[in-house]
N, C-alpha and C. Protein backbone atom coordinates (compact mmCIF):
# COMPACT_ATOMS: atom_id res chain seq x y z
N MET A 1 22.44 -3.02 16.36
CA MET A 1 21.11 -3.72 16.38
C MET A 1 20.30 -3.47 14.94
N LEU A 2 20.30 -2.15 14.55
CA LEU A 2 19.59 -1.72 13.67
C LEU A 2 20.20 -2.13 12.22
N GLU A 3 21.86 -1.87 12.45
CA GLU A 3 22.52 -2.23 11.46
C GLU A 3 22.69 -3.74 10.92
N ARG A 4 22.63 -4.34 12.11
CA ARG A 4 22.32 -5.84 11.72
C ARG A 4 21.38 -6.52 11.11
N ALA A 5 20.08 -5.80 11.50
CA ALA A 5 18.73 -6.24 11.16
C ALA A 5 18.72 -5.49 9.56
N LEU A 6 19.43 -4.26 9.27
CA LEU A 6 19.28 -4.08 7.75
C LEU A 6 20.35 -5.09 7.07
N LYS A 7 21.33 -5.30 7.33
CA LYS A 7 22.46 -6.35 6.48
C LYS A 7 21.41 -7.78 6.42
N GLN A 8 20.59 -8.18 7.46
CA GLN A 8 19.95 -9.38 7.37
C GLN A 8 19.06 -9.24 6.16
N LYS A 9 18.22 -8.02 6.19
CA LYS A 9 16.98 -7.64 5.15
C LYS A 9 17.61 -7.73 3.91
N LEU A 10 19.14 -6.85 3.62
CA LEU A 10 19.70 -6.81 2.48
C LEU A 10 20.07 -8.09 1.92
N GLU A 11 20.37 -9.31 2.73
CA GLU A 11 20.44 -10.49 2.06
C GLU A 11 19.61 -11.36 1.74
N GLU A 12 18.46 -11.15 2.46
CA GLU A 12 17.30 -11.61 2.08
C GLU A 12 16.55 -11.34 0.50
N ILE A 13 16.77 -9.56 0.61
CA ILE A 13 16.64 -9.09 -0.69
C ILE A 13 17.13 -9.76 -1.74
N LYS A 14 18.80 -9.90 -1.68
CA LYS A 14 19.33 -10.29 -2.73
C LYS A 14 19.11 -11.83 -2.88
N HIS A 15 18.90 -12.73 -1.95
CA HIS A 15 18.41 -13.78 -1.98
C HIS A 15 17.10 -14.26 -3.11
N LYS A 16 16.11 -13.38 -2.49
CA LYS A 16 14.65 -13.27 -3.12
C LYS A 16 14.97 -12.73 -4.65
N CYS A 17 15.74 -12.23 -4.82
CA CYS A 17 15.86 -11.43 -6.29
C CYS A 17 16.48 -12.46 -7.13
N ALA A 18 17.35 -13.02 -6.54
CA ALA A 18 18.24 -14.12 -7.43
C ALA A 18 16.90 -15.61 -7.35
N GLU A 19 16.33 -15.78 -6.53
CA GLU A 19 15.25 -16.63 -6.70
C GLU A 19 14.36 -16.50 -7.90
N LEU A 20 14.10 -14.93 -8.01
CA LEU A 20 13.02 -14.63 -8.56
C LEU A 20 13.62 -14.43 -10.22
N ARG A 21 14.79 -14.32 -10.14
CA ARG A 21 15.40 -14.37 -11.63
C ARG A 21 15.49 -15.79 -12.04
N ARG A 22 15.56 -16.84 -11.12
CA ARG A 22 15.81 -17.90 -11.82
C ARG A 22 14.11 -18.77 -11.89
N ILE A 23 13.16 -18.07 -11.29
CA ILE A 23 11.78 -18.69 -11.77
C ILE A 23 11.41 -17.84 -12.92
N CYS A 24 11.58 -16.57 -13.04
CA CYS A 24 11.32 -15.88 -14.41
C CYS A 24 12.43 -15.95 -15.30
N SER A 25 13.04 -16.68 -15.69
CA SER A 25 14.29 -16.76 -16.66
C SER A 25 13.82 -16.29 -17.93
N GLY A 26 12.50 -16.70 -18.11
CA GLY A 26 12.00 -16.46 -19.70
C GLY A 26 11.23 -15.15 -19.53
N PHE A 27 11.00 -14.69 -18.60
CA PHE A 27 10.54 -13.22 -18.39
C PHE A 27 11.31 -11.98 -18.62
N ASN A 28 11.29 -11.11 -19.42
CA ASN A 28 11.82 -9.92 -19.39
C ASN A 28 11.25 -8.71 -18.65
N LEU A 29 11.62 -8.56 -17.29
CA LEU A 29 10.90 -7.70 -16.37
C LEU A 29 11.20 -6.22 -16.95
N ALA A 30 12.28 -5.81 -17.77
CA ALA A 30 12.19 -4.54 -18.05
C ALA A 30 11.61 -4.18 -19.42
N GLN A 31 11.43 -5.17 -20.25
CA GLN A 31 10.62 -5.11 -21.31
C GLN A 31 9.33 -4.71 -20.93
N GLU A 32 8.57 -5.37 -19.67
CA GLU A 32 7.41 -5.43 -19.21
C GLU A 32 6.98 -4.34 -18.78
N LEU A 33 7.98 -3.70 -17.95
CA LEU A 33 8.11 -2.23 -17.40
C LEU A 33 7.46 -1.29 -18.60
N TYR A 34 8.67 -1.42 -19.39
CA TYR A 34 8.40 -0.51 -20.35
C TYR A 34 7.19 -0.41 -21.36
N ALA A 35 6.56 -1.86 -21.37
CA ALA A 35 5.38 -1.73 -22.13
C ALA A 35 4.07 -0.91 -20.94
N LEU A 36 4.39 -1.27 -19.85
CA LEU A 36 3.26 -1.10 -18.89
C LEU A 36 3.35 0.54 -19.02
N ILE A 37 4.22 0.95 -18.79
CA ILE A 37 4.89 2.73 -18.81
C ILE A 37 4.03 3.26 -20.10
N ASP A 38 4.56 2.84 -21.07
CA ASP A 38 3.93 2.99 -22.54
C ASP A 38 2.08 3.24 -22.51
N GLN A 39 1.70 2.10 -21.93
CA GLN A 39 0.25 2.19 -21.78
C GLN A 39 -0.43 2.98 -20.74
N LEU A 40 0.58 3.23 -19.38
CA LEU A 40 0.27 4.23 -18.85
C LEU A 40 0.25 5.69 -19.19
N LYS A 41 1.17 5.65 -20.22
CA LYS A 41 1.37 7.18 -20.63
C LYS A 41 0.01 7.42 -21.63
N ALA A 42 -0.19 6.42 -22.35
CA ALA A 42 -1.28 6.58 -23.22
C ALA A 42 -2.81 6.70 -22.76
N GLU A 43 -2.85 5.93 -21.58
CA GLU A 43 -4.07 6.34 -20.83
C GLU A 43 -4.14 7.50 -20.25
N ALA A 44 -2.68 8.23 -19.92
CA ALA A 44 -2.93 9.72 -19.27
C ALA A 44 -3.26 10.50 -20.72
N MET A 45 -2.66 10.54 -21.55
CA MET A 45 -2.80 11.17 -22.88
C MET A 45 -4.47 11.48 -23.03
N MET A 46 -4.97 10.38 -23.02
CA MET A 46 -6.47 10.21 -23.36
C MET A 46 -7.31 10.81 -22.24
N LEU A 47 -6.99 10.79 -20.73
CA LEU A 47 -7.38 11.65 -19.88
C LEU A 47 -7.26 13.02 -20.11
N ARG A 48 -6.25 13.04 -20.54
CA ARG A 48 -5.90 14.79 -20.88
C ARG A 48 -6.59 15.34 -21.65
N ASN A 49 -6.87 14.64 -22.91
CA ASN A 49 -7.79 15.08 -23.87
C ASN A 49 -9.29 15.03 -23.70
N ILE A 50 -9.59 14.38 -22.70
CA ILE A 50 -10.99 14.19 -22.46
C ILE A 50 -11.25 15.67 -21.77
N GLU A 51 -10.44 16.24 -20.98
CA GLU A 51 -10.80 17.35 -20.18
C GLU A 51 -10.55 18.74 -21.18
């Protein structure tokens, strides 16, 4: 029963990922995540320098 539910959720995730890729075809998610990480690192560095 749990294995069947897990397989069903996995298929839903695959379907949603494909849908998201189609909707966001002009959006580079990895590039956006790198930019966000860089921004968070800069903010963390500023907070460390204040202390």
